Amino acid sequence: MSRAPLLLALGLLLSLAGGPALAQCSMCQTALAQSAEGQRIASDFNQAILVMVAAPYLVFGTIAGLAFRSRIREWLAGARSTSSPS
């Protein structure tokens, strides 16, 4: 039995079981907590920080996925050309 599905399930479980993330640095949190307007936008600020953290992973994942897909297509094309009788 492969470990990949087990590790994937464990990672998914741990990511869903985690509590809310406090994404603000201490100075930003202090500045937002001390003003009435800052308290209203604090949750939006946290979400914006998490989006900025996730963006590089999304870009890298997309590029890696496209490169992997291209390599698989090249491999399949090579396998088909060598296996077909001439």
N, C-alpha and C. Protein backbone atom coordinates (compact mmCIF):
# COMPACT_ATOMS: atom_id res chain seq x y z
N MET A 1 0.84 -1.18 0.00
CA MET A 1 0.00 0.00 0.00
C MET A 1 0.88 1.24 0.00
N SER A 2 0.56 2.17 -0.83
CA SER A 2 1.35 3.39 -0.97
C SER A 2 1.10 4.33 0.21
N ARG A 3 2.12 5.05 0.58
CA ARG A 3 2.00 6.01 1.68
C ARG A 3 1.41 7.33 1.25
N ALA A 4 1.41 7.61 -0.05
CA ALA A 4 0.96 8.91 -0.54
C ALA A 4 -0.49 9.21 -0.16
N PRO A 5 -1.45 8.30 -0.36
CA PRO A 5 -2.82 8.62 0.04
C PRO A 5 -2.96 8.84 1.54
N LEU A 6 -2.22 8.07 2.32
CA LEU A 6 -2.27 8.22 3.76
C LEU A 6 -1.72 9.58 4.18
N LEU A 7 -0.58 9.97 3.60
CA LEU A 7 0.00 11.26 3.94
C LEU A 7 -0.88 12.42 3.47
N LEU A 8 -1.49 12.26 2.31
CA LEU A 8 -2.40 13.28 1.80
C LEU A 8 -3.60 13.43 2.72
N ALA A 9 -4.18 12.33 3.15
CA ALA A 9 -5.33 12.37 4.06
C ALA A 9 -4.94 12.99 5.39
N LEU A 10 -3.77 12.64 5.90
CA LEU A 10 -3.31 13.20 7.17
C LEU A 10 -3.08 14.70 7.05
N GLY A 11 -2.47 15.14 5.95
CA GLY A 11 -2.24 16.57 5.73
C GLY A 11 -3.54 17.34 5.62
N LEU A 12 -4.51 16.76 4.92
CA LEU A 12 -5.81 17.40 4.78
C LEU A 12 -6.51 17.50 6.13
N LEU A 13 -6.45 16.44 6.91
CA LEU A 13 -7.06 16.44 8.23
C LEU A 13 -6.42 17.50 9.13
N LEU A 14 -5.10 17.58 9.11
CA LEU A 14 -4.41 18.56 9.95
C LEU A 14 -4.70 19.99 9.51
N SER A 15 -4.82 20.21 8.20
CA SER A 15 -5.10 21.57 7.73
C SER A 15 -6.52 21.99 8.08
N LEU A 16 -7.45 21.05 8.09
CA LEU A 16 -8.83 21.38 8.44
C LEU A 16 -9.02 21.50 9.95
N ALA A 17 -8.19 20.83 10.73
CA ALA A 17 -8.33 20.85 12.18
C ALA A 17 -7.68 22.07 12.82
N GLY A 18 -6.88 22.80 12.06
CA GLY A 18 -6.18 23.95 12.62
C GLY A 18 -7.13 25.08 12.98
N GLY A 19 -6.74 25.85 13.96
CA GLY A 19 -7.53 27.01 14.37
C GLY A 19 -7.32 28.17 13.43
N PRO A 20 -7.99 29.27 13.69
CA PRO A 20 -7.83 30.44 12.82
C PRO A 20 -6.40 30.98 12.90
N ALA A 21 -5.88 31.37 11.78
CA ALA A 21 -4.51 31.86 11.72
C ALA A 21 -4.49 33.35 12.02
N LEU A 22 -3.57 33.75 12.84
CA LEU A 22 -3.34 35.16 13.10
C LEU A 22 -2.21 35.60 12.19
N ALA A 23 -2.55 36.18 11.07
CA ALA A 23 -1.57 36.46 10.04
C ALA A 23 -0.86 37.79 10.22
N GLN A 24 -1.29 38.59 11.16
CA GLN A 24 -0.71 39.91 11.30
C GLN A 24 0.57 39.86 12.12
N CYS A 25 1.49 40.75 11.78
CA CYS A 25 2.66 40.92 12.64
C CYS A 25 2.20 41.69 13.88
N SER A 26 2.99 41.71 14.90
CA SER A 26 2.56 42.33 16.16
C SER A 26 2.34 43.83 16.02
N MET A 27 3.14 44.50 15.21
CA MET A 27 2.96 45.95 15.04
C MET A 27 1.67 46.26 14.28
N CYS A 28 1.38 45.47 13.24
CA CYS A 28 0.15 45.68 12.48
C CYS A 28 -1.06 45.39 13.35
N GLN A 29 -0.98 44.33 14.14
CA GLN A 29 -2.10 43.97 15.00
C GLN A 29 -2.35 45.06 16.03
N THR A 30 -1.29 45.62 16.60
CA THR A 30 -1.44 46.69 17.58
C THR A 30 -2.05 47.93 16.94
N ALA A 31 -1.59 48.28 15.76
CA ALA A 31 -2.12 49.47 15.09
C ALA A 31 -3.59 49.30 14.73
N LEU A 32 -3.97 48.11 14.29
CA LEU A 32 -5.36 47.88 13.93
C LEU A 32 -6.26 47.77 15.14
N ALA A 33 -5.76 47.23 16.21
CA ALA A 33 -6.59 47.04 17.41
C ALA A 33 -6.85 48.34 18.15
N GLN A 34 -6.00 49.34 17.97
CA GLN A 34 -6.15 50.58 18.73
C GLN A 34 -7.10 51.58 18.09
N SER A 35 -7.48 51.38 16.85
CA SER A 35 -8.40 52.33 16.22
C SER A 35 -9.72 51.63 15.90
N ALA A 36 -10.79 52.42 15.92
CA ALA A 36 -12.11 51.86 15.63
C ALA A 36 -12.20 51.38 14.18
N GLU A 37 -11.63 52.16 13.28
CA GLU A 37 -11.64 51.77 11.87
C GLU A 37 -10.80 50.52 11.65
N GLY A 38 -9.67 50.45 12.35
CA GLY A 38 -8.79 49.28 12.22
C GLY A 38 -9.46 48.01 12.69
N GLN A 39 -10.27 48.10 13.72
CA GLN A 39 -10.99 46.92 14.21
C GLN A 39 -11.98 46.42 13.18
N ARG A 40 -12.56 47.33 12.40
CA ARG A 40 -13.53 46.92 11.38
C ARG A 40 -12.84 46.23 10.20
N ILE A 41 -11.63 46.61 9.88
CA ILE A 41 -10.96 46.03 8.71
C ILE A 41 -9.95 44.94 9.06
N ALA A 42 -9.85 44.57 10.33
CA ALA A 42 -8.83 43.60 10.75
C ALA A 42 -9.00 42.24 10.06
N SER A 43 -10.22 41.74 9.94
CA SER A 43 -10.39 40.42 9.31
C SER A 43 -10.06 40.49 7.82
N ASP A 44 -10.43 41.58 7.15
CA ASP A 44 -10.07 41.74 5.73
C ASP A 44 -8.56 41.82 5.57
N PHE A 45 -7.91 42.48 6.50
CA PHE A 45 -6.45 42.60 6.48
C PHE A 45 -5.80 41.22 6.62
N ASN A 46 -6.33 40.41 7.53
CA ASN A 46 -5.80 39.05 7.70
C ASN A 46 -5.97 38.23 6.43
N GLN A 47 -7.13 38.32 5.79
CA GLN A 47 -7.35 37.56 4.57
C GLN A 47 -6.43 38.03 3.45
N ALA A 48 -6.17 39.33 3.38
CA ALA A 48 -5.27 39.85 2.35
C ALA A 48 -3.85 39.32 2.55
N ILE A 49 -3.43 39.23 3.78
CA ILE A 49 -2.09 38.71 4.07
C ILE A 49 -2.00 37.24 3.66
N LEU A 50 -3.02 36.46 3.97
CA LEU A 50 -3.01 35.04 3.60
C LEU A 50 -3.03 34.85 2.09
N VAL A 51 -3.73 35.71 1.37
CA VAL A 51 -3.74 35.64 -0.10
C VAL A 51 -2.34 35.94 -0.63
N MET A 52 -1.67 36.93 -0.06
CA MET A 52 -0.32 37.27 -0.51
C MET A 52 0.66 36.13 -0.23
N VAL A 53 0.43 35.37 0.83
CA VAL A 53 1.29 34.23 1.14
C VAL A 53 1.02 33.09 0.16
N ALA A 54 -0.23 32.88 -0.21
CA ALA A 54 -0.59 31.76 -1.08
C ALA A 54 -0.26 32.00 -2.54
N ALA A 55 -0.18 33.23 -2.98
CA ALA A 55 0.02 33.54 -4.40
C ALA A 55 1.30 32.93 -4.99
N PRO A 56 2.46 33.03 -4.35
CA PRO A 56 3.66 32.42 -4.95
C PRO A 56 3.54 30.90 -5.10
N TYR A 57 2.89 30.24 -4.16
CA TYR A 57 2.70 28.80 -4.26
C TYR A 57 1.79 28.46 -5.43
N LEU A 58 0.78 29.26 -5.65
CA LEU A 58 -0.13 29.04 -6.78
C LEU A 58 0.60 29.21 -8.11
N VAL A 59 1.42 30.24 -8.21
CA VAL A 59 2.17 30.48 -9.44
C VAL A 59 3.16 29.34 -9.68
N PHE A 60 3.92 28.97 -8.66
CA PHE A 60 4.90 27.90 -8.81
C PHE A 60 4.21 26.58 -9.14
N GLY A 61 3.10 26.29 -8.48
CA GLY A 61 2.37 25.06 -8.74
C GLY A 61 1.85 24.99 -10.16
N THR A 62 1.38 26.12 -10.68
CA THR A 62 0.90 26.17 -12.05
C THR A 62 2.03 25.90 -13.04
N ILE A 63 3.16 26.56 -12.83
CA ILE A 63 4.30 26.37 -13.73
C ILE A 63 4.81 24.93 -13.65
N ALA A 64 4.92 24.39 -12.44
CA ALA A 64 5.38 23.01 -12.29
C ALA A 64 4.39 22.03 -12.92
N GLY A 65 3.11 22.28 -12.77
CA GLY A 65 2.10 21.41 -13.38
C GLY A 65 2.16 21.43 -14.90
N LEU A 66 2.33 22.62 -15.46
CA LEU A 66 2.43 22.72 -16.92
C LEU A 66 3.70 22.04 -17.44
N ALA A 67 4.81 22.20 -16.71
CA ALA A 67 6.05 21.55 -17.13
C ALA A 67 5.92 20.03 -17.04
N PHE A 68 5.30 19.55 -15.97
CA PHE A 68 5.10 18.10 -15.81
C PHE A 68 4.20 17.56 -16.91
N ARG A 69 3.15 18.29 -17.21
CA ARG A 69 2.23 17.87 -18.27
C ARG A 69 2.94 17.81 -19.62
N SER A 70 3.79 18.78 -19.88
CA SER A 70 4.54 18.79 -21.13
C SER A 70 5.49 17.60 -21.22
N ARG A 71 6.16 17.29 -20.11
CA ARG A 71 7.08 16.15 -20.10
C ARG A 71 6.34 14.83 -20.32
N ILE A 72 5.18 14.70 -19.72
CA ILE A 72 4.38 13.49 -19.90
C ILE A 72 3.95 13.35 -21.35
N ARG A 73 3.54 14.45 -21.98
CA ARG A 73 3.14 14.39 -23.39
C ARG A 73 4.31 14.00 -24.28
N GLU A 74 5.50 14.55 -24.00
CA GLU A 74 6.68 14.19 -24.77
C GLU A 74 7.00 12.71 -24.60
N TRP A 75 6.91 12.23 -23.37
CA TRP A 75 7.21 10.83 -23.09
C TRP A 75 6.22 9.92 -23.81
N LEU A 76 4.93 10.27 -23.76
CA LEU A 76 3.93 9.46 -24.45
C LEU A 76 4.12 9.47 -25.96
N ALA A 77 4.47 10.62 -26.50
CA ALA A 77 4.71 10.70 -27.94
C ALA A 77 5.91 9.84 -28.34
N GLY A 78 6.97 9.86 -27.52
CA GLY A 78 8.14 9.02 -27.78
C GLY A 78 7.83 7.55 -27.65
N ALA A 79 7.02 7.19 -26.67
CA ALA A 79 6.65 5.79 -26.47
C ALA A 79 5.79 5.28 -27.61
N ARG A 80 4.92 6.11 -28.14
CA ARG A 80 4.06 5.70 -29.25
C ARG A 80 4.87 5.52 -30.53
N SER A 81 5.85 6.40 -30.76
CA SER A 81 6.64 6.31 -31.99
C SER A 81 7.58 5.12 -31.99
N THR A 82 8.05 4.72 -30.82
CA THR A 82 8.97 3.57 -30.77
C THR A 82 8.22 2.25 -30.75
N SER A 83 6.95 2.27 -30.29
CA SER A 83 6.21 1.01 -30.22
C SER A 83 5.44 0.68 -31.49
N SER A 84 5.23 1.68 -32.35
CA SER A 84 4.47 1.40 -33.58
C SER A 84 5.39 0.77 -34.61
N PRO A 85 4.92 -0.32 -35.26
CA PRO A 85 5.75 -0.99 -36.28
C PRO A 85 5.84 -0.14 -37.55
N SER A 86 7.00 -0.09 -38.13
CA SER A 86 7.20 0.70 -39.36
C SER A 86 7.26 -0.19 -40.57
